[in-house]
Protein backbone atom coordinates (compact mmCIF):
# COMPACT_ATOMS: atom_id res chain seq x y z
CA MET A 1 113.68 -38.32 166.22
CA LEU A 2 116.90 -36.24 166.85
CA ASN A 3 120.02 -37.03 164.94
CA CYS A 4 123.58 -35.65 165.07
CA GLU A 5 123.98 -32.62 163.04
CA ILE A 6 127.30 -33.71 161.60
CA CYS A 7 127.09 -37.41 160.89
CA GLY A 8 123.42 -38.14 161.15
CA ARG A 9 123.77 -40.72 163.95
CA GLY A 10 120.88 -41.21 166.50
CA LEU A 11 120.78 -40.92 170.28
CA PRO A 12 122.36 -39.99 172.68
CA LEU A 13 123.08 -36.35 171.74
CA PHE A 14 125.12 -33.83 173.42
CA LYS A 15 124.97 -29.98 173.06
CA THR A 16 128.46 -29.24 172.00
CA GLU A 17 130.38 -26.04 171.02
CA ILE A 18 132.48 -26.57 167.85
CA GLU A 19 134.34 -23.73 166.31
CA GLY A 20 132.15 -21.24 168.15
CA THR A 21 128.80 -22.82 167.26
CA GLU A 22 126.44 -24.71 169.56
CA ILE A 23 125.14 -27.81 167.86
CA ASN A 24 123.64 -31.23 168.93
CA VAL A 25 126.10 -34.14 168.15
CA CYS A 26 126.35 -37.68 168.95
CA ASP A 27 128.97 -39.23 171.34
CA TYR A 28 131.43 -39.83 168.62
CA CYS A 29 131.37 -36.28 167.08
CA CYS A 30 131.49 -34.55 170.49
CA LYS A 31 135.21 -35.06 170.50
CA PHE A 32 135.58 -32.26 167.89
CA GLY A 33 134.40 -29.68 170.43
CA LYS A 34 133.56 -28.70 174.01
CA VAL A 35 130.53 -30.66 175.46
CA LEU A 36 128.10 -28.18 177.08
CA GLY A 37 125.47 -30.84 178.35
CA LYS A 38 123.29 -33.65 177.30
CA VAL A 39 120.30 -32.97 174.90
CA SER A 40 116.82 -33.68 176.21
CA THR A 41 115.01 -36.45 174.24
CA THR A 42 111.47 -35.46 174.92
CA PRO A 43 109.52 -34.76 171.78
CA VAL A 44 108.34 -31.31 171.01
CA LEU A 45 104.92 -31.31 169.55
CA ASN A 46 103.75 -29.03 166.82
CA GLN A 47 107.34 -28.16 165.82
CA LYS A 48 107.77 -27.36 162.11
CA PRO A 49 110.65 -29.22 160.37
CA PHE A 50 113.90 -27.12 160.10
CA PHE A 51 114.19 -28.12 156.31
CA SER A 52 111.17 -28.22 153.95
CA ALA A 53 112.37 -29.85 150.90
CA THR A 54 109.15 -30.04 148.98
CA SER A 55 108.92 -27.69 146.10
CA SER A 56 106.74 -27.63 142.92
CA LEU A 57 109.13 -25.41 140.95
CA PRO A 58 111.24 -26.95 138.37
CA GLU A 59 114.91 -26.26 138.45
CA ILE A 60 116.15 -24.39 135.38
CA GLU A 61 119.69 -25.06 134.13
CA GLU A 62 121.43 -23.30 131.41
CA ASN A 63 124.18 -24.87 129.31
CA VAL A 64 126.26 -23.86 126.26
CA SER A 65 125.00 -25.74 123.18
CA SER A 66 127.02 -28.87 122.08
CA ASP A 67 127.55 -27.48 118.64
CA PHE A 68 128.90 -24.20 119.74
CA PRO A 69 132.25 -24.40 117.80
CA GLU A 70 130.59 -24.60 114.37
CA MET A 71 127.97 -21.87 115.37
CA ILE A 72 130.76 -19.38 116.58
CA ARG A 73 132.89 -19.94 113.60
CA ASN A 74 130.12 -19.74 111.02
CA ALA A 75 128.66 -16.52 112.56
CA ARG A 76 132.15 -14.89 112.85
CA GLU A 77 132.93 -15.74 109.23
CA LYS A 78 129.44 -14.15 108.15
CA LYS A 79 130.40 -11.04 109.92
CA GLY A 80 133.71 -10.96 107.92
CA LEU A 81 135.94 -11.12 111.02
CA ASN A 82 139.21 -13.11 111.37
CA GLN A 83 139.96 -14.59 114.84
CA LYS A 84 142.26 -11.88 115.79
CA ASP A 85 139.92 -9.16 115.14
CA PHE A 86 136.99 -11.10 116.78
CA SER A 87 139.09 -11.63 119.82
CA GLN A 88 139.87 -7.82 120.18
CA LEU A 89 136.08 -7.18 119.74
CA LEU A 90 135.32 -9.46 122.50
CA ASN A 91 138.33 -8.38 124.61
CA GLU A 92 139.57 -11.84 124.93
CA ARG A 93 142.68 -13.70 123.97
CA GLU A 94 142.90 -14.97 120.40
CA SER A 95 143.99 -18.41 121.62
CA LEU A 96 140.68 -18.65 123.53
CA VAL A 97 138.72 -17.99 120.51
CA GLN A 98 140.79 -20.65 118.60
CA LYS A 99 140.02 -23.15 121.47
CA TRP A 100 136.24 -22.32 121.28
CA GLU A 101 136.06 -22.91 117.52
CA ALA A 102 138.17 -26.08 117.75
CA GLY A 103 135.93 -27.37 120.45
CA LEU A 104 138.82 -27.70 122.90
CA SER A 105 137.20 -25.34 125.48
CA LYS A 106 133.64 -24.30 126.25
CA PRO A 107 132.85 -20.52 126.85
CA LYS A 108 131.41 -19.64 130.16
CA LEU A 109 127.79 -18.63 130.36
CA GLU A 110 128.46 -14.96 130.74
CA ILE A 111 130.92 -15.06 127.72
CA ALA A 112 128.40 -17.13 125.87
CA ARG A 113 125.67 -14.45 126.44
CA LYS A 114 128.26 -11.83 125.03
CA LEU A 115 128.74 -14.04 122.06
CA GLU A 116 125.15 -14.27 121.46
CA ARG A 117 124.71 -10.56 121.52
CA LEU A 118 127.68 -9.79 119.24
CA LEU A 119 127.09 -12.50 116.74
CA GLY A 120 123.24 -12.73 116.79
CA ILE A 121 123.21 -16.48 117.51
CA HIS A 122 121.71 -18.64 120.30
CA LEU A 123 124.33 -20.66 122.13
CA ILE A 124 122.69 -21.24 125.55
CA GLU A 125 120.17 -24.01 125.92
CA VAL A 126 117.72 -23.84 128.79
CA GLN A 127 116.77 -27.35 130.37
CA GLU A 128 114.25 -27.94 133.00
CA ASN A 129 115.05 -30.63 135.41
CA LYS A 130 112.55 -32.51 137.33
CA VAL A 131 112.60 -31.62 141.09
CA ILE A 132 113.52 -34.49 143.29
CA SER A 133 111.08 -34.58 146.27
CA LEU A 134 112.74 -34.71 149.57
CA GLU A 135 109.89 -35.49 151.80
CA LYS A 136 110.69 -36.48 155.35
CA THR A 137 108.85 -39.34 157.01
CA LYS A 138 108.06 -39.17 160.68
CA SER A 139 110.92 -41.60 161.55
CA GLU A 140 113.71 -39.84 159.55
CA GLU A 141 115.25 -36.41 159.05
CA LEU A 142 117.53 -35.23 156.28
CA THR A 143 121.20 -34.74 157.04
CA LEU A 144 123.81 -32.88 155.12
CA GLY A 145 125.09 -36.25 153.94
CA ASP A 146 121.58 -37.10 152.42
CA MET A 147 121.61 -33.93 150.55
CA ILE A 148 125.04 -34.58 149.10
CA LYS A 149 123.93 -38.11 148.02
CA ILE A 150 120.89 -36.59 146.25
CA LYS A 151 122.94 -33.95 144.47
CA LYS A 152 125.49 -36.52 143.39
CA LYS A 153 122.64 -38.75 141.96
CA LYS A 154 121.25 -35.78 139.97
CA LEU A 155 124.62 -34.99 138.28
């Protein structure tokens, strides 16, 4: 079944030029562009779906450990560095190092990797998230709105 490429509504659909792109939209969304004609509703056999959402690979997510303030402070002190010298070694502001050690700010992943190398500690935790299966049924297709809802549920 064909759906509007903007809002996901059903038939009737119109081929419309919106901001230089030809897409199939419903009668409500065709007001956003120039209507070029009506879309044929005859089914096309043996057509592969535009979006294949099935995947067996787990999604890997990297985060900075929750106890990073103590880890950074202890490793820095073991190296015999004060915050000022350490910030110069990192090429970062001293106030940023103070915020990290107080737990008021979390270092970005690239800086966390740099901290790991310089201090010899492990700050980044790797988490494997299960993959949400987005299999389509014959009667429905995924829209961008569906993908947004799925992403929000995941967060």
